Amino acid sequence: MINISKLLWRFKEFFLFFISSTTIYKIHAPFAFRLVQQVFEDKSTYYAFPLIESYRNQLKKSKNSIKKIEFGAGENPTRSIANLANIDSSPSEKGQQLFKLVNHLQPKSILELGTCIGIGTSYLGHANSTSILQTIEACPNTIKIAADTLNSCGLSHPQLHNMTFDNYIDQLHNSKTKFDLIYIDGHHNEEATLRYFERLKPFMDSQNCTVIFDDIYWSKGMKRAWQEVKKDDTFKLSIDLFHIGIIFRNNNLRSSSSFKLVKAAWKPWVNGFFSKNHN
């Protein structure tokens, strides 16, 4: 059932986001400019994109269903695999942004909280095959599909863990693991998001670390969570893309900055399309 009030709230938030957003033409710091130019403005189609989308399309045609185990949600609905591929998996544009971000940053160790059926994981994995990629999914039925997805997309290096996010973080206390890219997805809740962020801080690389938060305008609570994580002054750059928010800790960042960003094509009047210096 569609929640009309939530839909109207998100529409209002997107309108406010759009009118206050900027484009690459207003970003001048070298690290941030290169990031936007080579990730968010890059229109390239990379080798892995057709492969992953082809397999997604296969899943969309599946007639099978699974029992989706939702820890803490109080119910375990039966979901069709086609519905999971259509609704729950990372959309192609988001997946390709994740790929380009990893390809640009070249992180050594990646953590993904929320594997789902492995589409987003496939984008992360193909972007840098030398990264150590840990991905966590609590539902045993979902992670089986994810394993098939990764295998079908030609990936063998991602390490799948079938456990809750908190249980995985508990295990980290016995290791010296340091992540330089973390993608927090799969539990769109203010309290949970902030808890995972705080609990993962000891395992974030102290010099270079990027943390991605999915669906930061999913609810009023997620918006508050996003505003809270941006206050961490060890992360000098934050970029709000509406569907995701990203914070950056990097040696090349000397001062703090925060952007709401849209593609230049969405706002051609912002020193771009209509600028005399535009090529």
Foldseek 3Di string as FASTA:
>chain_A
DDDVVLVVLLVVVVVVLVVQFAALVPDDQVVVNCLCVQQVQDPDDDPLLVQLVVVLVVQLPDPDWDFADDPPPPGTDIGRSNCCSVPVDDPSVRLSSLLRNCLVVVWQEEEEEACQQASSVLSNCVSHVNHQYEYEAQGPVRVVNNVVSCVSSPHDRYHYDHRHLVVVLVVCVVDQAATQEYEYDDDQALVVLLVSVVSCVSRHDQAKHKYKYAQCSSDPSSVVSLVVVLPPVQFQEWEAQNRMIMTIRHPSRDHHDYGDYDYCVVPVVRCEVPHPPHD
